Amino acid sequence: MASIKPLGNRVLVKRLEAEAVSAGGIVLPDSAQEKPQEAEVTGLGTGGTDENGKDIVFDVAVGDKVLISKYGGTDVKVDGEDLLILSQADILGVLTD
């Protein structure tokens, strides 16, 4: 089984499933659905230091549900699973229950 560990201040996330039915009850085909902006954090980068020499601190943890930038990150496929590697700056917020 292949795995991937992001480097630096990058975060590995798995997009959560998009709604397949519109608010009016119409079933949407995959081609008409927008990319979901909600994702679950599955891996954190190695950290390091920023340009000012300060340690990079992650504001998220593995398992957190987050809201991500619509067009940020790079899509990757690992063992048939679609994942996304993005900078921590592309995470807009942590979803709470």
N, C-alpha and C. Protein backbone atom coordinates (compact mmCIF):
# COMPACT_ATOMS: atom_id res chain seq x y z
N MET A 1 0.84 -1.18 0.00
CA MET A 1 0.00 0.00 0.00
C MET A 1 0.89 1.25 0.00
N ALA A 2 0.69 2.08 -0.97
CA ALA A 2 1.46 3.32 -1.07
C ALA A 2 0.88 4.36 -0.11
N SER A 3 1.74 5.21 0.38
CA SER A 3 1.27 6.31 1.22
C SER A 3 2.02 7.56 0.81
N ILE A 4 1.53 8.69 1.27
CA ILE A 4 2.16 9.95 0.91
C ILE A 4 2.21 10.84 2.15
N LYS A 5 3.34 11.47 2.38
CA LYS A 5 3.51 12.39 3.50
C LYS A 5 3.85 13.75 2.92
N PRO A 6 3.00 14.74 3.15
CA PRO A 6 3.30 16.07 2.63
C PRO A 6 4.54 16.67 3.29
N LEU A 7 5.19 17.59 2.61
CA LEU A 7 6.39 18.25 3.13
C LEU A 7 6.07 19.69 3.50
N GLY A 8 6.87 20.26 4.38
CA GLY A 8 6.73 21.67 4.75
C GLY A 8 5.39 21.98 5.39
N ASN A 9 4.78 23.08 4.97
CA ASN A 9 3.51 23.50 5.57
C ASN A 9 2.30 22.99 4.79
N ARG A 10 2.48 21.88 4.10
CA ARG A 10 1.39 21.33 3.30
C ARG A 10 0.56 20.34 4.11
N VAL A 11 -0.69 20.19 3.67
CA VAL A 11 -1.65 19.33 4.35
C VAL A 11 -2.28 18.41 3.31
N LEU A 12 -2.47 17.15 3.66
CA LEU A 12 -3.13 16.17 2.79
C LEU A 12 -4.56 16.02 3.26
N VAL A 13 -5.52 16.20 2.34
CA VAL A 13 -6.93 16.10 2.69
C VAL A 13 -7.67 15.21 1.71
N LYS A 14 -8.80 14.70 2.16
CA LYS A 14 -9.71 13.93 1.30
C LYS A 14 -11.01 14.71 1.25
N ARG A 15 -11.43 15.07 0.04
CA ARG A 15 -12.68 15.82 -0.11
C ARG A 15 -13.85 14.96 0.37
N LEU A 16 -14.79 15.59 1.05
CA LEU A 16 -16.00 14.91 1.47
C LEU A 16 -16.97 14.89 0.30
N GLU A 17 -17.83 13.92 0.26
CA GLU A 17 -18.74 13.75 -0.88
C GLU A 17 -19.65 14.95 -1.06
N ALA A 18 -19.87 15.33 -2.32
CA ALA A 18 -20.75 16.44 -2.65
C ALA A 18 -22.20 15.95 -2.67
N GLU A 19 -23.11 16.87 -2.49
CA GLU A 19 -24.52 16.54 -2.55
C GLU A 19 -24.88 16.14 -3.98
N ALA A 20 -25.58 15.02 -4.14
CA ALA A 20 -25.97 14.54 -5.47
C ALA A 20 -27.37 14.99 -5.84
N VAL A 21 -28.05 15.68 -4.91
CA VAL A 21 -29.42 16.14 -5.16
C VAL A 21 -29.46 17.63 -4.87
N SER A 22 -30.07 18.40 -5.78
CA SER A 22 -30.17 19.84 -5.59
C SER A 22 -31.19 20.15 -4.51
N ALA A 23 -31.27 21.42 -4.13
CA ALA A 23 -32.22 21.84 -3.11
C ALA A 23 -33.66 21.59 -3.56
N GLY A 24 -33.89 21.60 -4.85
CA GLY A 24 -35.23 21.36 -5.40
C GLY A 24 -35.54 19.90 -5.61
N GLY A 25 -34.60 19.01 -5.26
CA GLY A 25 -34.84 17.58 -5.37
C GLY A 25 -34.39 16.96 -6.68
N ILE A 26 -33.69 17.71 -7.52
CA ILE A 26 -33.22 17.19 -8.80
C ILE A 26 -31.89 16.46 -8.59
N VAL A 27 -31.79 15.24 -9.12
CA VAL A 27 -30.56 14.47 -9.02
C VAL A 27 -29.55 15.04 -10.01
N LEU A 28 -28.36 15.40 -9.51
CA LEU A 28 -27.33 16.01 -10.35
C LEU A 28 -26.33 14.97 -10.81
N PRO A 29 -26.01 14.94 -12.12
CA PRO A 29 -24.95 14.04 -12.58
C PRO A 29 -23.60 14.53 -12.10
N ASP A 30 -22.61 13.63 -12.09
CA ASP A 30 -21.27 14.00 -11.62
C ASP A 30 -20.71 15.21 -12.35
N SER A 31 -20.97 15.32 -13.64
CA SER A 31 -20.41 16.42 -14.43
C SER A 31 -21.01 17.78 -14.04
N ALA A 32 -22.18 17.79 -13.43
CA ALA A 32 -22.83 19.05 -13.04
C ALA A 32 -22.53 19.45 -11.61
N GLN A 33 -21.91 18.56 -10.85
CA GLN A 33 -21.63 18.85 -9.45
C GLN A 33 -20.34 19.66 -9.31
N GLU A 34 -20.36 20.60 -8.38
CA GLU A 34 -19.15 21.37 -8.09
C GLU A 34 -18.25 20.55 -7.18
N LYS A 35 -16.96 20.88 -7.21
CA LYS A 35 -16.03 20.23 -6.28
C LYS A 35 -16.42 20.61 -4.87
N PRO A 36 -16.51 19.63 -3.98
CA PRO A 36 -16.85 19.97 -2.60
C PRO A 36 -15.73 20.77 -1.93
N GLN A 37 -16.12 21.71 -1.09
CA GLN A 37 -15.13 22.52 -0.38
C GLN A 37 -14.87 22.00 1.02
N GLU A 38 -15.62 20.97 1.43
CA GLU A 38 -15.39 20.37 2.73
C GLU A 38 -14.49 19.16 2.56
N ALA A 39 -13.53 19.01 3.48
CA ALA A 39 -12.58 17.91 3.38
C ALA A 39 -12.17 17.47 4.78
N GLU A 40 -11.57 16.28 4.84
CA GLU A 40 -11.05 15.76 6.10
C GLU A 40 -9.54 15.69 6.00
N VAL A 41 -8.85 16.18 7.01
CA VAL A 41 -7.39 16.16 7.04
C VAL A 41 -6.93 14.72 7.28
N THR A 42 -6.07 14.22 6.38
CA THR A 42 -5.56 12.86 6.52
C THR A 42 -4.06 12.82 6.79
N GLY A 43 -3.36 13.95 6.62
CA GLY A 43 -1.93 13.98 6.88
C GLY A 43 -1.43 15.41 6.98
N LEU A 44 -0.38 15.58 7.77
CA LEU A 44 0.24 16.89 7.94
C LEU A 44 1.68 16.85 7.44
N GLY A 45 2.16 17.98 6.98
CA GLY A 45 3.53 18.08 6.50
C GLY A 45 4.55 17.98 7.61
N THR A 46 5.78 18.19 7.24
CA THR A 46 6.90 18.05 8.17
C THR A 46 7.15 19.30 9.00
N GLY A 47 6.45 20.39 8.68
CA GLY A 47 6.65 21.64 9.43
C GLY A 47 7.86 22.37 8.91
N GLY A 48 8.73 22.77 9.80
CA GLY A 48 9.92 23.53 9.41
C GLY A 48 9.83 24.94 9.94
N THR A 49 10.49 25.87 9.24
CA THR A 49 10.46 27.27 9.64
C THR A 49 10.03 28.13 8.46
N ASP A 50 9.43 29.27 8.78
CA ASP A 50 9.03 30.19 7.73
C ASP A 50 10.20 31.09 7.34
N GLU A 51 9.94 32.10 6.50
CA GLU A 51 11.01 32.97 6.01
C GLU A 51 11.62 33.85 7.10
N ASN A 52 10.92 33.99 8.23
CA ASN A 52 11.43 34.79 9.35
C ASN A 52 12.12 33.94 10.41
N GLY A 53 12.23 32.62 10.16
CA GLY A 53 12.89 31.74 11.10
C GLY A 53 11.99 31.20 12.20
N LYS A 54 10.69 31.52 12.15
CA LYS A 54 9.75 31.01 13.16
C LYS A 54 9.28 29.62 12.77
N ASP A 55 9.06 28.77 13.79
CA ASP A 55 8.55 27.42 13.53
C ASP A 55 7.15 27.49 12.93
N ILE A 56 6.90 26.61 11.96
CA ILE A 56 5.57 26.50 11.37
C ILE A 56 4.72 25.65 12.31
N VAL A 57 3.60 26.22 12.75
CA VAL A 57 2.69 25.53 13.65
C VAL A 57 1.41 25.23 12.88
N PHE A 58 0.99 23.97 12.89
CA PHE A 58 -0.24 23.61 12.20
C PHE A 58 -1.45 23.94 13.05
N ASP A 59 -2.44 24.57 12.44
CA ASP A 59 -3.68 24.94 13.13
C ASP A 59 -4.73 23.85 13.00
N VAL A 60 -4.41 22.78 12.28
CA VAL A 60 -5.33 21.66 12.10
C VAL A 60 -4.64 20.38 12.54
N ALA A 61 -5.44 19.34 12.74
CA ALA A 61 -4.90 18.04 13.13
C ALA A 61 -5.54 16.97 12.24
N VAL A 62 -4.90 15.82 12.15
CA VAL A 62 -5.46 14.72 11.38
C VAL A 62 -6.84 14.38 11.94
N GLY A 63 -7.80 14.25 11.05
CA GLY A 63 -9.17 13.95 11.45
C GLY A 63 -10.08 15.16 11.46
N ASP A 64 -9.50 16.38 11.46
CA ASP A 64 -10.32 17.59 11.44
C ASP A 64 -11.07 17.71 10.12
N LYS A 65 -12.29 18.20 10.19
CA LYS A 65 -13.06 18.52 8.99
C LYS A 65 -12.84 20.01 8.73
N VAL A 66 -12.45 20.33 7.50
CA VAL A 66 -12.07 21.70 7.17
C VAL A 66 -12.79 22.20 5.93
N LEU A 67 -12.81 23.50 5.79
CA LEU A 67 -13.33 24.17 4.60
C LEU A 67 -12.12 24.64 3.81
N ILE A 68 -12.03 24.20 2.54
CA ILE A 68 -10.84 24.52 1.75
C ILE A 68 -11.18 25.45 0.59
N SER A 69 -10.16 26.10 0.09
CA SER A 69 -10.29 26.97 -1.07
C SER A 69 -10.76 26.14 -2.26
N LYS A 70 -11.67 26.69 -3.05
CA LYS A 70 -12.29 25.94 -4.14
C LYS A 70 -11.28 25.46 -5.18
N TYR A 71 -10.31 26.28 -5.52
CA TYR A 71 -9.38 25.92 -6.59
C TYR A 71 -7.94 25.74 -6.11
N GLY A 72 -7.72 25.63 -4.82
CA GLY A 72 -6.37 25.48 -4.29
C GLY A 72 -5.92 24.04 -4.29
N GLY A 73 -4.63 23.84 -4.18
CA GLY A 73 -4.07 22.51 -4.02
C GLY A 73 -3.80 21.75 -5.30
N THR A 74 -3.26 20.56 -5.13
CA THR A 74 -2.93 19.67 -6.23
C THR A 74 -3.59 18.32 -6.01
N ASP A 75 -4.37 17.87 -6.99
CA ASP A 75 -5.03 16.57 -6.89
C ASP A 75 -4.02 15.46 -7.08
N VAL A 76 -4.09 14.44 -6.21
CA VAL A 76 -3.24 13.25 -6.33
C VAL A 76 -4.12 12.02 -6.13
N LYS A 77 -3.69 10.90 -6.68
CA LYS A 77 -4.40 9.65 -6.51
C LYS A 77 -3.45 8.65 -5.88
N VAL A 78 -3.83 8.10 -4.73
CA VAL A 78 -3.02 7.11 -4.02
C VAL A 78 -3.89 5.88 -3.79
N ASP A 79 -3.45 4.75 -4.33
CA ASP A 79 -4.19 3.50 -4.21
C ASP A 79 -5.65 3.66 -4.64
N GLY A 80 -5.89 4.39 -5.71
CA GLY A 80 -7.23 4.58 -6.24
C GLY A 80 -8.07 5.58 -5.48
N GLU A 81 -7.50 6.23 -4.47
CA GLU A 81 -8.24 7.20 -3.67
C GLU A 81 -7.82 8.61 -4.08
N ASP A 82 -8.81 9.47 -4.36
CA ASP A 82 -8.53 10.85 -4.75
C ASP A 82 -8.27 11.70 -3.51
N LEU A 83 -7.08 12.30 -3.46
CA LEU A 83 -6.67 13.15 -2.35
C LEU A 83 -6.23 14.50 -2.89
N LEU A 84 -5.96 15.43 -2.00
CA LEU A 84 -5.55 16.77 -2.38
C LEU A 84 -4.45 17.23 -1.43
N ILE A 85 -3.35 17.72 -2.00
CA ILE A 85 -2.28 18.31 -1.19
C ILE A 85 -2.38 19.82 -1.37
N LEU A 86 -2.47 20.52 -0.24
CA LEU A 86 -2.58 21.97 -0.32
C LEU A 86 -1.80 22.62 0.81
N SER A 87 -1.52 23.88 0.62
CA SER A 87 -0.83 24.65 1.65
C SER A 87 -1.80 24.91 2.79
N GLN A 88 -1.28 25.00 4.00
CA GLN A 88 -2.14 25.29 5.14
C GLN A 88 -2.89 26.61 4.92
N ALA A 89 -2.32 27.52 4.15
CA ALA A 89 -2.97 28.81 3.86
C ALA A 89 -4.23 28.64 3.02
N ASP A 90 -4.39 27.51 2.30
CA ASP A 90 -5.58 27.25 1.49
C ASP A 90 -6.73 26.68 2.32
N ILE A 91 -6.49 26.46 3.61
CA ILE A 91 -7.57 26.01 4.50
C ILE A 91 -8.22 27.26 5.06
N LEU A 92 -9.52 27.39 4.80
CA LEU A 92 -10.25 28.60 5.19
C LEU A 92 -10.76 28.54 6.63
N GLY A 93 -10.99 27.33 7.14
CA GLY A 93 -11.48 27.21 8.50
C GLY A 93 -11.70 25.76 8.88
N VAL A 94 -11.85 25.53 10.18
CA VAL A 94 -12.13 24.19 10.70
C VAL A 94 -13.63 24.14 11.00
N LEU A 95 -14.28 23.08 10.53
CA LEU A 95 -15.72 22.92 10.75
C LEU A 95 -15.94 22.31 12.14
N THR A 96 -16.87 22.88 12.86
CA THR A 96 -17.21 22.36 14.19
C THR A 96 -18.65 21.90 14.17
N ASP A 97 -18.97 20.96 15.03
CA ASP A 97 -20.34 20.44 15.09
C ASP A 97 -21.24 21.32 15.89
